[in-house]
Amino acid sequence: MIGPGANARVYLACGATDMRKGIDGLTALVQTALRQKPASGSVFVFRGRRGNRIKLLFWDGQGFCLYYKVLETGRFPWPSAAEGTARLTAAQLAMLWEGIDWRRPSWTAAPTRTA
């Protein structure tokens, strides 16, 4: 995925978002609900009601980029709506984008020790 750098701040909009919203509607949500500046270079992540769709919004310096992903099976892991906003690292965002539960990652095989 061509996208934000590894040092980008990532904000999740907890709860469900209307996935019919485009760039203008999501930037309005960033300003009102998340109380952030949409053109700050941060990544803003929104999930639909069914849990199988997410949208990522960020400013790349020239304009807004909007990424949209729909999972064929399963749901994206998401905090409860009561939490408001959550911050993620770039690594956690990469796991979320792949549908991996970034809150409880587990090894498929334990790493080997070298010394």
PDB file of N, CA and C in Angstrom:
ATOM      1  N   MET A   1       0.849  -1.176   0.000  1.00  0.00           N
ATOM      2  CA  MET A   1       0.000   0.000   0.000  1.00  0.00           C
ATOM      3  C   MET A   1       0.888   1.232   0.000  1.00  0.00           C
ATOM      4  N   ILE A   2       0.674   2.136  -0.901  1.00  0.00           N
ATOM      5  CA  ILE A   2       1.340   3.429  -0.888  1.00  0.00           C
ATOM      6  C   ILE A   2       0.578   4.285   0.097  1.00  0.00           C
ATOM      7  N   GLY A   3       1.273   4.810   1.072  1.00  0.00           N
ATOM      8  CA  GLY A   3       0.531   5.540   2.085  1.00  0.00           C
ATOM      9  C   GLY A   3       1.429   6.329   3.002  1.00  0.00           C
ATOM     10  N   PRO A   4       0.949   6.558   4.198  1.00  0.00           N
ATOM     11  CA  PRO A   4       1.672   7.383   5.159  1.00  0.00           C
ATOM     12  C   PRO A   4       2.966   6.715   5.601  1.00  0.00           C
ATOM     13  N   GLY A   5       3.882   7.521   6.092  1.00  0.00           N
ATOM     14  CA  GLY A   5       5.156   7.009   6.560  1.00  0.00           C
ATOM     15  C   GLY A   5       5.045   6.298   7.891  1.00  0.00           C
ATOM     16  N   ALA A   6       6.151   5.716   8.317  1.00  0.00           N
ATOM     17  CA  ALA A   6       6.184   4.947   9.554  1.00  0.00           C
ATOM     18  C   ALA A   6       6.019   5.828  10.790  1.00  0.00           C
ATOM     19  N   ASN A   7       6.254   7.120  10.663  1.00  0.00           N
ATOM     20  CA  ASN A   7       6.158   8.012  11.820  1.00  0.00           C
ATOM     21  C   ASN A   7       4.819   8.732  11.915  1.00  0.00           C
ATOM     22  N   ALA A   8       3.885   8.394  11.055  1.00  0.00           N
ATOM     23  CA  ALA A   8       2.581   9.080  11.056  1.00  0.00           C
ATOM     24  C   ALA A   8       1.790   8.726  12.315  1.00  0.00           C
ATOM     25  N   ARG A   9       1.109   9.713  12.862  1.00  0.00           N
ATOM     26  CA  ARG A   9       0.201   9.471  13.986  1.00  0.00           C
ATOM     27  C   ARG A   9      -1.081   8.857  13.430  1.00  0.00           C
ATOM     28  N   VAL A  10      -1.623   7.872  14.136  1.00  0.00           N
ATOM     29  CA  VAL A  10      -2.806   7.156  13.669  1.00  0.00           C
ATOM     30  C   VAL A  10      -3.893   7.273  14.735  1.00  0.00           C
ATOM     31  N   TYR A  11      -5.077   7.716  14.327  1.00  0.00           N
ATOM     32  CA  TYR A  11      -6.214   7.864  15.230  1.00  0.00           C
ATOM     33  C   TYR A  11      -7.373   7.008  14.726  1.00  0.00           C
ATOM     34  N   LEU A  12      -7.948   6.195  15.618  1.00  0.00           N
ATOM     35  CA  LEU A  12      -9.149   5.424  15.305  1.00  0.00           C
ATOM     36  C   LEU A  12     -10.359   6.171  15.821  1.00  0.00           C
ATOM     37  N   ALA A  13     -11.375   6.284  14.997  1.00  0.00           N
ATOM     38  CA  ALA A  13     -12.658   6.824  15.437  1.00  0.00           C
ATOM     39  C   ALA A  13     -13.454   5.642  15.977  1.00  0.00           C
ATOM     40  N   CYS A  14     -13.475   5.491  17.295  1.00  0.00           N
ATOM     41  CA  CYS A  14     -14.152   4.349  17.917  1.00  0.00           C
ATOM     42  C   CYS A  14     -15.651   4.400  17.621  1.00  0.00           C
ATOM     43  N   GLY A  15     -16.266   3.237  17.589  1.00  0.00           N
ATOM     44  CA  GLY A  15     -17.673   3.168  17.241  1.00  0.00           C
ATOM     45  C   GLY A  15     -17.834   2.998  15.739  1.00  0.00           C
ATOM     46  N   ALA A  16     -19.060   3.072  15.280  1.00  0.00           N
ATOM     47  CA  ALA A  16     -19.367   2.875  13.864  1.00  0.00           C
ATOM     48  C   ALA A  16     -19.477   4.208  13.134  1.00  0.00           C
ATOM     49  N   THR A  17     -19.050   4.206  11.873  1.00  0.00           N
ATOM     50  CA  THR A  17     -19.127   5.379  11.010  1.00  0.00           C
ATOM     51  C   THR A  17     -19.938   5.010   9.773  1.00  0.00           C
ATOM     52  N   ASP A  18     -20.697   5.950   9.271  1.00  0.00           N
ATOM     53  CA  ASP A  18     -21.458   5.758   8.039  1.00  0.00           C
ATOM     54  C   ASP A  18     -20.474   5.662   6.877  1.00  0.00           C
ATOM     55  N   MET A  19     -20.364   4.491   6.276  1.00  0.00           N
ATOM     56  CA  MET A  19     -19.393   4.271   5.200  1.00  0.00           C
ATOM     57  C   MET A  19     -19.788   4.934   3.880  1.00  0.00           C
ATOM     58  N   ARG A  20     -20.950   5.588   3.849  1.00  0.00           N
ATOM     59  CA  ARG A  20     -21.316   6.344   2.653  1.00  0.00           C
ATOM     60  C   ARG A  20     -20.587   7.677   2.596  1.00  0.00           C
ATOM     61  N   LYS A  21     -19.997   8.080   3.715  1.00  0.00           N
ATOM     62  CA  LYS A  21     -19.287   9.360   3.766  1.00  0.00           C
ATOM     63  C   LYS A  21     -18.027   9.309   2.910  1.00  0.00           C
ATOM     64  N   GLY A  22     -17.790  10.408   2.229  1.00  0.00           N
ATOM     65  CA  GLY A  22     -16.580  10.554   1.437  1.00  0.00           C
ATOM     66  C   GLY A  22     -15.572  11.420   2.170  1.00  0.00           C
ATOM     67  N   ILE A  23     -14.653  11.996   1.435  1.00  0.00           N
ATOM     68  CA  ILE A  23     -13.597  12.807   2.029  1.00  0.00           C
ATOM     69  C   ILE A  23     -14.168  13.981   2.811  1.00  0.00           C
ATOM     70  N   ASP A  24     -15.123  14.705   2.249  1.00  0.00           N
ATOM     71  CA  ASP A  24     -15.683  15.872   2.942  1.00  0.00           C
ATOM     72  C   ASP A  24     -16.377  15.493   4.243  1.00  0.00           C
ATOM     73  N   GLY A  25     -17.171  14.445   4.224  1.00  0.00           N
ATOM     74  CA  GLY A  25     -17.875  14.007   5.424  1.00  0.00           C
ATOM     75  C   GLY A  25     -16.924  13.495   6.495  1.00  0.00           C
ATOM     76  N   LEU A  26     -15.873  12.782   6.075  1.00  0.00           N
ATOM     77  CA  LEU A  26     -14.920  12.260   7.042  1.00  0.00           C
ATOM     78  C   LEU A  26     -14.041  13.367   7.627  1.00  0.00           C
ATOM     79  N   THR A  27     -13.684  14.354   6.818  1.00  0.00           N
ATOM     80  CA  THR A  27     -12.908  15.476   7.375  1.00  0.00           C
ATOM     81  C   THR A  27     -13.744  16.242   8.400  1.00  0.00           C
ATOM     82  N   ALA A  28     -15.044  16.350   8.169  1.00  0.00           N
ATOM     83  CA  ALA A  28     -15.921  16.997   9.147  1.00  0.00           C
ATOM     84  C   ALA A  28     -15.946  16.192  10.451  1.00  0.00           C
ATOM     85  N   LEU A  29     -15.967  14.858  10.348  1.00  0.00           N
ATOM     86  CA  LEU A  29     -15.921  14.015  11.546  1.00  0.00           C
ATOM     87  C   LEU A  29     -14.601  14.167  12.294  1.00  0.00           C
ATOM     88  N   VAL A  30     -13.517  14.279  11.550  1.00  0.00           N
ATOM     89  CA  VAL A  30     -12.211  14.462  12.178  1.00  0.00           C
ATOM     90  C   VAL A  30     -12.212  15.736  13.015  1.00  0.00           C
ATOM     91  N   GLN A  31     -12.787  16.803  12.455  1.00  0.00           N
ATOM     92  CA  GLN A  31     -12.806  18.084  13.158  1.00  0.00           C
ATOM     93  C   GLN A  31     -13.747  18.064  14.360  1.00  0.00           C
ATOM     94  N   THR A  32     -14.934  17.504  14.202  1.00  0.00           N
ATOM     95  CA  THR A  32     -15.939  17.572  15.267  1.00  0.00           C
ATOM     96  C   THR A  32     -15.791  16.457  16.304  1.00  0.00           C
ATOM     97  N   ALA A  33     -15.743  15.222  15.861  1.00  0.00           N
ATOM     98  CA  ALA A  33     -15.726  14.094  16.791  1.00  0.00           C
ATOM     99  C   ALA A  33     -14.332  13.827  17.359  1.00  0.00           C
ATOM    100  N   LEU A  34     -13.316  13.892  16.509  1.00  0.00           N
ATOM    101  CA  LEU A  34     -11.965  13.573  16.967  1.00  0.00           C
ATOM    102  C   LEU A  34     -11.202  14.799  17.459  1.00  0.00           C
ATOM    103  N   ARG A  35     -11.702  15.979  17.119  1.00  0.00           N
ATOM    104  CA  ARG A  35     -11.079  17.255  17.495  1.00  0.00           C
ATOM    105  C   ARG A  35      -9.625  17.337  17.043  1.00  0.00           C
ATOM    106  N   GLN A  36      -9.400  16.976  15.777  1.00  0.00           N
ATOM    107  CA  GLN A  36      -8.076  17.019  15.176  1.00  0.00           C
ATOM    108  C   GLN A  36      -8.146  17.828  13.887  1.00  0.00           C
ATOM    109  N   LYS A  37      -6.981  18.217  13.374  1.00  0.00           N
ATOM    110  CA  LYS A  37      -6.908  18.918  12.095  1.00  0.00           C
ATOM    111  C   LYS A  37      -6.746  17.871  10.993  1.00  0.00           C
ATOM    112  N   PRO A  38      -7.670  17.825  10.043  1.00  0.00           N
ATOM    113  CA  PRO A  38      -7.612  16.793   8.995  1.00  0.00           C
ATOM    114  C   PRO A  38      -6.338  16.848   8.157  1.00  0.00           C
ATOM    115  N   ALA A  39      -5.783  18.024   7.940  1.00  0.00           N
ATOM    116  CA  ALA A  39      -4.597  18.169   7.089  1.00  0.00           C
ATOM    117  C   ALA A  39      -3.308  18.157   7.906  1.00  0.00           C
ATOM    118  N   SER A  40      -3.323  17.527   9.063  1.00  0.00           N
ATOM    119  CA  SER A  40      -2.146  17.507   9.937  1.00  0.00           C
ATOM    120  C   SER A  40      -1.109  16.472   9.524  1.00  0.00           C
ATOM    121  N   GLY A  41      -1.464  15.577   8.604  1.00  0.00           N
ATOM    122  CA  GLY A  41      -0.564  14.499   8.221  1.00  0.00           C
ATOM    123  C   GLY A  41      -0.831  13.222   8.993  1.00  0.00           C
ATOM    124  N   SER A  42      -1.745  13.274   9.941  1.00  0.00           N
ATOM    125  CA  SER A  42      -2.130  12.080  10.697  1.00  0.00           C
ATOM    126  C   SER A  42      -3.053  11.206   9.846  1.00  0.00           C
ATOM    127  N   VAL A  43      -3.126   9.946  10.221  1.00  0.00           N
ATOM    128  CA  VAL A  43      -4.018   8.994   9.563  1.00  0.00           C
ATOM    129  C   VAL A  43      -5.241   8.823  10.449  1.00  0.00           C
ATOM    130  N   PHE A  44      -6.418   8.910   9.848  1.00  0.00           N
ATOM    131  CA  PHE A  44      -7.675   8.758  10.572  1.00  0.00           C
ATOM    132  C   PHE A  44      -8.382   7.519  10.025  1.00  0.00           C
ATOM    133  N   VAL A  45      -8.782   6.627  10.930  1.00  0.00           N
ATOM    134  CA  VAL A  45      -9.343   5.341  10.526  1.00  0.00           C
ATOM    135  C   VAL A  45     -10.782   5.242  11.030  1.00  0.00           C
ATOM    136  N   PHE A  46     -11.679   4.790  10.147  1.00  0.00           N
ATOM    137  CA  PHE A  46     -13.103   4.679  10.442  1.00  0.00           C
ATOM    138  C   PHE A  46     -13.568   3.279  10.062  1.00  0.00           C
ATOM    139  N   ARG A  47     -14.491   2.710  10.863  1.00  0.00           N
ATOM    140  CA  ARG A  47     -15.040   1.379  10.580  1.00  0.00           C
ATOM    141  C   ARG A  47     -16.543   1.451  10.447  1.00  0.00           C
ATOM    142  N   GLY A  48     -17.082   0.671   9.540  1.00  0.00           N
ATOM    143  CA  GLY A  48     -18.523   0.607   9.314  1.00  0.00           C
ATOM    144  C   GLY A  48     -19.244  -0.180  10.391  1.00  0.00           C
ATOM    145  N   ARG A  49     -20.555  -0.140  10.365  1.00  0.00           N
ATOM    146  CA  ARG A  49     -21.400  -0.781  11.376  1.00  0.00           C
ATOM    147  C   ARG A  49     -21.222  -2.299  11.394  1.00  0.00           C
ATOM    148  N   ARG A  50     -21.142  -2.923  10.220  1.00  0.00           N
ATOM    149  CA  ARG A  50     -21.010  -4.378  10.158  1.00  0.00           C
ATOM    150  C   ARG A  50     -19.621  -4.860  10.569  1.00  0.00           C
ATOM    151  N   GLY A  51     -18.655  -3.972  10.565  1.00  0.00           N
ATOM    152  CA  GLY A  51     -17.317  -4.325  11.023  1.00  0.00           C
ATOM    153  C   GLY A  51     -16.401  -4.896   9.965  1.00  0.00           C
ATOM    154  N   ASN A  52     -16.885  -5.069   8.744  1.00  0.00           N
ATOM    155  CA  ASN A  52     -16.040  -5.648   7.707  1.00  0.00           C
ATOM    156  C   ASN A  52     -15.469  -4.600   6.749  1.00  0.00           C
ATOM    157  N   ARG A  53     -15.692  -3.318   7.027  1.00  0.00           N
ATOM    158  CA  ARG A  53     -15.214  -2.250   6.148  1.00  0.00           C
ATOM    159  C   ARG A  53     -14.497  -1.182   6.962  1.00  0.00           C
ATOM    160  N   ILE A  54     -13.362  -0.719   6.432  1.00  0.00           N
ATOM    161  CA  ILE A  54     -12.688   0.422   7.047  1.00  0.00           C
ATOM    162  C   ILE A  54     -12.270   1.413   5.972  1.00  0.00           C
ATOM    163  N   LYS A  55     -12.151   2.661   6.399  1.00  0.00           N
ATOM    164  CA  LYS A  55     -11.639   3.728   5.539  1.00  0.00           C
ATOM    165  C   LYS A  55     -10.505   4.425   6.277  1.00  0.00           C
ATOM    166  N   LEU A  56      -9.443   4.721   5.544  1.00  0.00           N
ATOM    167  CA  LEU A  56      -8.317   5.473   6.065  1.00  0.00           C
ATOM    168  C   LEU A  56      -8.273   6.794   5.322  1.00  0.00           C
ATOM    169  N   LEU A  57      -8.141   7.876   6.058  1.00  0.00           N
ATOM    170  CA  LEU A  57      -8.076   9.217   5.483  1.00  0.00           C
ATOM    171  C   LEU A  57      -6.801   9.886   5.956  1.00  0.00           C
ATOM    172  N   PHE A  58      -6.017  10.427   5.009  1.00  0.00           N
ATOM    173  CA  PHE A  58      -4.873  11.226   5.423  1.00  0.00           C
ATOM    174  C   PHE A  58      -4.501  12.229   4.342  1.00  0.00           C
ATOM    175  N   TRP A  59      -3.808  13.272   4.776  1.00  0.00           N
ATOM    176  CA  TRP A  59      -3.337  14.357   3.912  1.00  0.00           C
ATOM    177  C   TRP A  59      -1.896  14.042   3.553  1.00  0.00           C
ATOM    178  N   ASP A  60      -1.587  13.978   2.250  1.00  0.00           N
ATOM    179  CA  ASP A  60      -0.224  13.628   1.839  1.00  0.00           C
ATOM    180  C   ASP A  60       0.626  14.846   1.486  1.00  0.00           C
ATOM    181  N   GLY A  61       0.105  16.036   1.730  1.00  0.00           N
ATOM    182  CA  GLY A  61       0.845  17.258   1.418  1.00  0.00           C
ATOM    183  C   GLY A  61       0.294  17.963   0.197  1.00  0.00           C
ATOM    184  N   GLN A  62      -0.388  17.228  -0.677  1.00  0.00           N
ATOM    185  CA  GLN A  62      -0.988  17.791  -1.881  1.00  0.00           C
ATOM    186  C   GLN A  62      -2.498  17.691  -1.871  1.00  0.00           C
ATOM    187  N   GLY A  63      -3.018  16.706  -1.165  1.00  0.00           N
ATOM    188  CA  GLY A  63      -4.456  16.484  -1.120  1.00  0.00           C
ATOM    189  C   GLY A  63      -4.777  15.325  -0.205  1.00  0.00           C
ATOM    190  N   PHE A  64      -6.051  15.054  -0.041  1.00  0.00           N
ATOM    191  CA  PHE A  64      -6.481  13.962   0.817  1.00  0.00           C
ATOM    192  C   PHE A  64      -6.458  12.650   0.061  1.00  0.00           C
ATOM    193  N   CYS A  65      -6.017  11.603   0.744  1.00  0.00           N
ATOM    194  CA  CYS A  65      -6.049  10.240   0.220  1.00  0.00           C
ATOM    195  C   CYS A  65      -7.074   9.468   1.040  1.00  0.00           C
ATOM    196  N   LEU A  66      -7.873   8.676   0.362  1.00  0.00           N
ATOM    197  CA  LEU A  66      -8.892   7.876   1.026  1.00  0.00           C
ATOM    198  C   LEU A  66      -8.726   6.427   0.584  1.00  0.00           C
ATOM    199  N   TYR A  67      -8.419   5.559   1.547  1.00  0.00           N
ATOM    200  CA  TYR A  67      -8.296   4.137   1.285  1.00  0.00           C
ATOM    201  C   TYR A  67      -9.509   3.442   1.873  1.00  0.00           C
ATOM    202  N   TYR A  68      -9.985   2.411   1.175  1.00  0.00           N
ATOM    203  CA  TYR A  68     -11.202   1.702   1.578  1.00  0.00           C
ATOM    204  C   TYR A  68     -10.944   0.217   1.426  1.00  0.00           C
ATOM    205  N   LYS A  69     -11.210  -0.545   2.471  1.00  0.00           N
ATOM    206  CA  LYS A  69     -11.011  -1.990   2.389  1.00  0.00           C
ATOM    207  C   LYS A  69     -12.223  -2.708   2.948  1.00  0.00           C
ATOM    208  N   VAL A  70     -12.636  -3.757   2.247  1.00  0.00           N
ATOM    209  CA  VAL A  70     -13.749  -4.603   2.664  1.00  0.00           C
ATOM    210  C   VAL A  70     -13.212  -6.023   2.813  1.00  0.00           C
ATOM    211  N   LEU A  71     -13.401  -6.606   3.996  1.00  0.00           N
ATOM    212  CA  LEU A  71     -12.999  -7.990   4.217  1.00  0.00           C
ATOM    213  C   LEU A  71     -14.058  -8.926   3.658  1.00  0.00           C
ATOM    214  N   GLU A  72     -13.622  -9.978   2.966  1.00  0.00           N
ATOM    215  CA  GLU A  72     -14.569 -10.978   2.466  1.00  0.00           C
ATOM    216  C   GLU A  72     -15.186 -11.752   3.611  1.00  0.00           C
ATOM    217  N   THR A  73     -14.357 -12.127   4.587  1.00  0.00           N
ATOM    218  CA  THR A  73     -14.844 -12.836   5.763  1.00  0.00           C
ATOM    219  C   THR A  73     -14.219 -12.198   6.996  1.00  0.00           C
ATOM    220  N   GLY A  74     -14.915 -12.287   8.094  1.00  0.00           N
ATOM    221  CA  GLY A  74     -14.401 -11.754   9.344  1.00  0.00           C
ATOM    222  C   GLY A  74     -14.715 -10.283   9.527  1.00  0.00           C
ATOM    223  N   ARG A  75     -14.189  -9.743  10.627  1.00  0.00           N
ATOM    224  CA  ARG A  75     -14.429  -8.347  10.978  1.00  0.00           C
ATOM    225  C   ARG A  75     -13.116  -7.722  11.430  1.00  0.00           C
ATOM    226  N   PHE A  76     -13.006  -6.418  11.245  1.00  0.00           N
ATOM    227  CA  PHE A  76     -11.852  -5.700  11.752  1.00  0.00           C
ATOM    228  C   PHE A  76     -11.981  -5.536  13.261  1.00  0.00           C
ATOM    229  N   PRO A  77     -10.903  -5.794  14.026  1.00  0.00           N
ATOM    230  CA  PRO A  77     -10.963  -5.586  15.473  1.00  0.00           C
ATOM    231  C   PRO A  77     -11.113  -4.103  15.773  1.00  0.00           C
ATOM    232  N   TRP A  78     -11.925  -3.779  16.771  1.00  0.00           N
ATOM    233  CA  TRP A  78     -12.241  -2.365  17.008  1.00  0.00           C
ATOM    234  C   TRP A  78     -12.561  -2.124  18.471  1.00  0.00           C
ATOM    235  N   PRO A  79     -12.102  -1.001  19.033  1.00  0.00           N
ATOM    236  CA  PRO A  79     -12.473  -0.672  20.420  1.00  0.00           C
ATOM    237  C   PRO A  79     -13.939  -0.271  20.513  1.00  0.00           C
ATOM    238  N   SER A  80     -14.467  -0.291  21.728  1.00  0.00           N
ATOM    239  CA  SER A  80     -15.876   0.066  21.915  1.00  0.00           C
ATOM    240  C   SER A  80     -16.098   1.551  21.655  1.00  0.00           C
ATOM    241  N   ALA A  81     -17.344   1.906  21.378  1.00  0.00           N
ATOM    242  CA  ALA A  81     -17.693   3.295  21.063  1.00  0.00           C
ATOM    243  C   ALA A  81     -17.465   4.222  22.251  1.00  0.00           C
ATOM    244  N   ALA A  82     -17.497   3.685  23.450  1.00  0.00           N
ATOM    245  CA  ALA A  82     -17.343   4.508  24.651  1.00  0.00           C
ATOM    246  C   ALA A  82     -15.940   5.080  24.770  1.00  0.00           C
ATOM    247  N   GLU A  83     -14.970   4.472  24.089  1.00  0.00           N
ATOM    248  CA  GLU A  83     -13.588   4.915  24.212  1.00  0.00           C
ATOM    249  C   GLU A  83     -13.294   6.188  23.429  1.00  0.00           C
ATOM    250  N   GLY A  84     -14.138   6.564  22.491  1.00  0.00           N
ATOM    251  CA  GLY A  84     -13.964   7.811  21.745  1.00  0.00           C
ATOM    252  C   GLY A  84     -12.918   7.735  20.659  1.00  0.00           C
ATOM    253  N   THR A  85     -11.659   7.934  21.022  1.00  0.00           N
ATOM    254  CA  THR A  85     -10.557   7.899  20.075  1.00  0.00           C
ATOM    255  C   THR A  85      -9.461   7.003  20.608  1.00  0.00           C
ATOM    256  N   ALA A  86      -8.820   6.268  19.726  1.00  0.00           N
ATOM    257  CA  ALA A  86      -7.684   5.436  20.115  1.00  0.00           C
ATOM    258  C   ALA A  86      -6.497   5.791  19.234  1.00  0.00           C
ATOM    259  N   ARG A  87      -5.307   5.722  19.794  1.00  0.00           N
ATOM    260  CA  ARG A  87      -4.078   5.969  19.035  1.00  0.00           C
ATOM    261  C   ARG A  87      -3.408   4.640  18.732  1.00  0.00           C
ATOM    262  N   LEU A  88      -2.898   4.511  17.522  1.00  0.00           N
ATOM    263  CA  LEU A  88      -2.178   3.308  17.109  1.00  0.00           C
ATOM    264  C   LEU A  88      -0.796   3.681  16.608  1.00  0.00           C
ATOM    265  N   THR A  89       0.093   2.708  16.596  1.00  0.00           N
ATOM    266  CA  THR A  89       1.387   2.873  15.955  1.00  0.00           C
ATOM    267  C   THR A  89       1.241   2.464  14.491  1.00  0.00           C
ATOM    268  N   ALA A  90       2.260   2.760  13.700  1.00  0.00           N
ATOM    269  CA  ALA A  90       2.229   2.359  12.292  1.00  0.00           C
ATOM    270  C   ALA A  90       2.170   0.837  12.163  1.00  0.00           C
ATOM    271  N   ALA A  91       2.858   0.118  13.060  1.00  0.00           N
ATOM    272  CA  ALA A  91       2.833  -1.349  13.025  1.00  0.00           C
ATOM    273  C   ALA A  91       1.433  -1.873  13.341  1.00  0.00           C
ATOM    274  N   GLN A  92       0.762  -1.266  14.321  1.00  0.00           N
ATOM    275  CA  GLN A  92      -0.601  -1.679  14.652  1.00  0.00           C
ATOM    276  C   GLN A  92      -1.553  -1.384  13.504  1.00  0.00           C
ATOM    277  N   LEU A  93      -1.351  -0.248  12.816  1.00  0.00           N
ATOM    278  CA  LEU A  93      -2.172   0.065  11.648  1.00  0.00           C
ATOM    279  C   LEU A  93      -1.982  -0.977  10.551  1.00  0.00           C
ATOM    280  N   ALA A  94      -0.752  -1.405  10.334  1.00  0.00           N
ATOM    281  CA  ALA A  94      -0.490  -2.436   9.323  1.00  0.00           C
ATOM    282  C   ALA A  94      -1.207  -3.738   9.676  1.00  0.00           C
ATOM    283  N   MET A  95      -1.202  -4.102  10.971  1.00  0.00           N
ATOM    284  CA  MET A  95      -1.920  -5.310  11.397  1.00  0.00           C
ATOM    285  C   MET A  95      -3.423  -5.144  11.193  1.00  0.00           C
ATOM    286  N   LEU A  96      -3.952  -3.977  11.572  1.00  0.00           N
ATOM    287  CA  LEU A  96      -5.382  -3.711  11.399  1.00  0.00           C
ATOM    288  C   LEU A  96      -5.771  -3.830   9.934  1.00  0.00           C
ATOM    289  N   TRP A  97      -4.981  -3.247   9.038  1.00  0.00           N
ATOM    290  CA  TRP A  97      -5.266  -3.269   7.607  1.00  0.00           C
ATOM    291  C   TRP A  97      -5.352  -4.703   7.083  1.00  0.00           C
ATOM    292  N   GLU A  98      -4.572  -5.607   7.696  1.00  0.00           N
ATOM    293  CA  GLU A  98      -4.590  -7.016   7.288  1.00  0.00           C
ATOM    294  C   GLU A  98      -5.653  -7.830   8.015  1.00  0.00           C
ATOM    295  N   GLY A  99      -6.406  -7.189   8.926  1.00  0.00           N
ATOM    296  CA  GLY A  99      -7.455  -7.889   9.650  1.00  0.00           C
ATOM    297  C   GLY A  99      -6.966  -8.608  10.890  1.00  0.00           C
ATOM    298  N   ILE A 100      -5.723  -8.327  11.314  1.00  0.00           N
ATOM    299  CA  ILE A 100      -5.148  -8.956  12.501  1.00  0.00           C
ATOM    300  C   ILE A 100      -5.537  -8.135  13.722  1.00  0.00           C
ATOM    301  N   ASP A 101      -5.858  -8.794  14.808  1.00  0.00           N
ATOM    302  CA  ASP A 101      -6.230  -8.083  16.032  1.00  0.00           C
ATOM    303  C   ASP A 101      -4.979  -7.445  16.629  1.00  0.00           C
ATOM    304  N   TRP A 102      -4.837  -6.175  16.454  1.00  0.00           N
ATOM    305  CA  TRP A 102      -3.664  -5.421  16.893  1.00  0.00           C
ATOM    306  C   TRP A 102      -3.600  -5.296  18.411  1.00  0.00           C
ATOM    307  N   ARG A 103      -4.717  -5.576  19.097  1.00  0.00           N
ATOM    308  CA  ARG A 103      -4.732  -5.478  20.561  1.00  0.00           C
ATOM    309  C   ARG A 103      -4.128  -6.705  21.222  1.00  0.00           C
ATOM    310  N   ARG A 104      -4.223  -7.874  20.558  1.00  0.00           N
ATOM    311  CA  ARG A 104      -3.705  -9.121  21.104  1.00  0.00           C
ATOM    312  C   ARG A 104      -2.981  -9.914  20.025  1.00  0.00           C
ATOM    313  N   PRO A 105      -1.885  -9.372  19.498  1.00  0.00           N
ATOM    314  CA  PRO A 105      -1.178 -10.144  18.466  1.00  0.00           C
ATOM    315  C   PRO A 105      -0.539 -11.384  19.089  1.00  0.00           C
ATOM    316  N   SER A 106      -0.500 -12.451  18.331  1.00  0.00           N
ATOM    317  CA  SER A 106       0.123 -13.672  18.835  1.00  0.00           C
ATOM    318  C   SER A 106       1.054 -14.215  17.757  1.00  0.00           C
ATOM    319  N   TRP A 107       2.088 -14.857  18.199  1.00  0.00           N
ATOM    320  CA  TRP A 107       3.043 -15.450  17.276  1.00  0.00           C
ATOM    321  C   TRP A 107       2.452 -16.720  16.670  1.00  0.00           C
ATOM    322  N   THR A 108       2.648 -16.916  15.394  1.00  0.00           N
ATOM    323  CA  THR A 108       2.255 -18.187  14.794  1.00  0.00           C
ATOM    324  C   THR A 108       3.297 -19.248  15.154  1.00  0.00           C
ATOM    325  N   ALA A 109       4.522 -18.819  15.299  1.00  0.00           N
ATOM    326  CA  ALA A 109       5.597 -19.663  15.801  1.00  0.00           C
ATOM    327  C   ALA A 109       6.474 -18.766  16.660  1.00  0.00           C
ATOM    328  N   ALA A 110       6.858 -19.268  17.802  1.00  0.00           N
ATOM    329  CA  ALA A 110       7.679 -18.442  18.690  1.00  0.00           C
ATOM    330  C   ALA A 110       9.012 -18.113  18.030  1.00  0.00           C
ATOM    331  N   PRO A 111       9.507 -16.901  18.222  1.00  0.00           N
ATOM    332  CA  PRO A 111      10.804 -16.552  17.618  1.00  0.00           C
ATOM    333  C   PRO A 111      11.926 -17.376  18.227  1.00  0.00           C
ATOM    334  N   THR A 112      12.895 -17.703  17.410  1.00  0.00           N
ATOM    335  CA  THR A 112      14.035 -18.483  17.910  1.00  0.00           C
ATOM    336  C   THR A 112      15.038 -17.535  18.552  1.00  0.00           C
ATOM    337  N   ARG A 113      15.688 -18.025  19.563  1.00  0.00           N
ATOM    338  CA  ARG A 113      16.699 -17.221  20.255  1.00  0.00           C
ATOM    339  C   ARG A 113      18.027 -17.395  19.564  1.00  0.00           C
ATOM    340  N   THR A 114      18.700 -16.317  19.373  1.00  0.00           N
ATOM    341  CA  THR A 114      20.066 -16.376  18.851  1.00  0.00           C
ATOM    342  C   THR A 114      20.945 -15.636  19.831  1.00  0.00           C
ATOM    343  N   ALA A 115      22.091 -16.127  20.032  1.00  0.00           N
ATOM    344  CA  ALA A 115      22.983 -15.429  20.940  1.00  0.00           C
ATOM    345  C   ALA A 115      24.359 -15.918  20.742  1.00  0.00           C
TER     346      ALA A 115
END
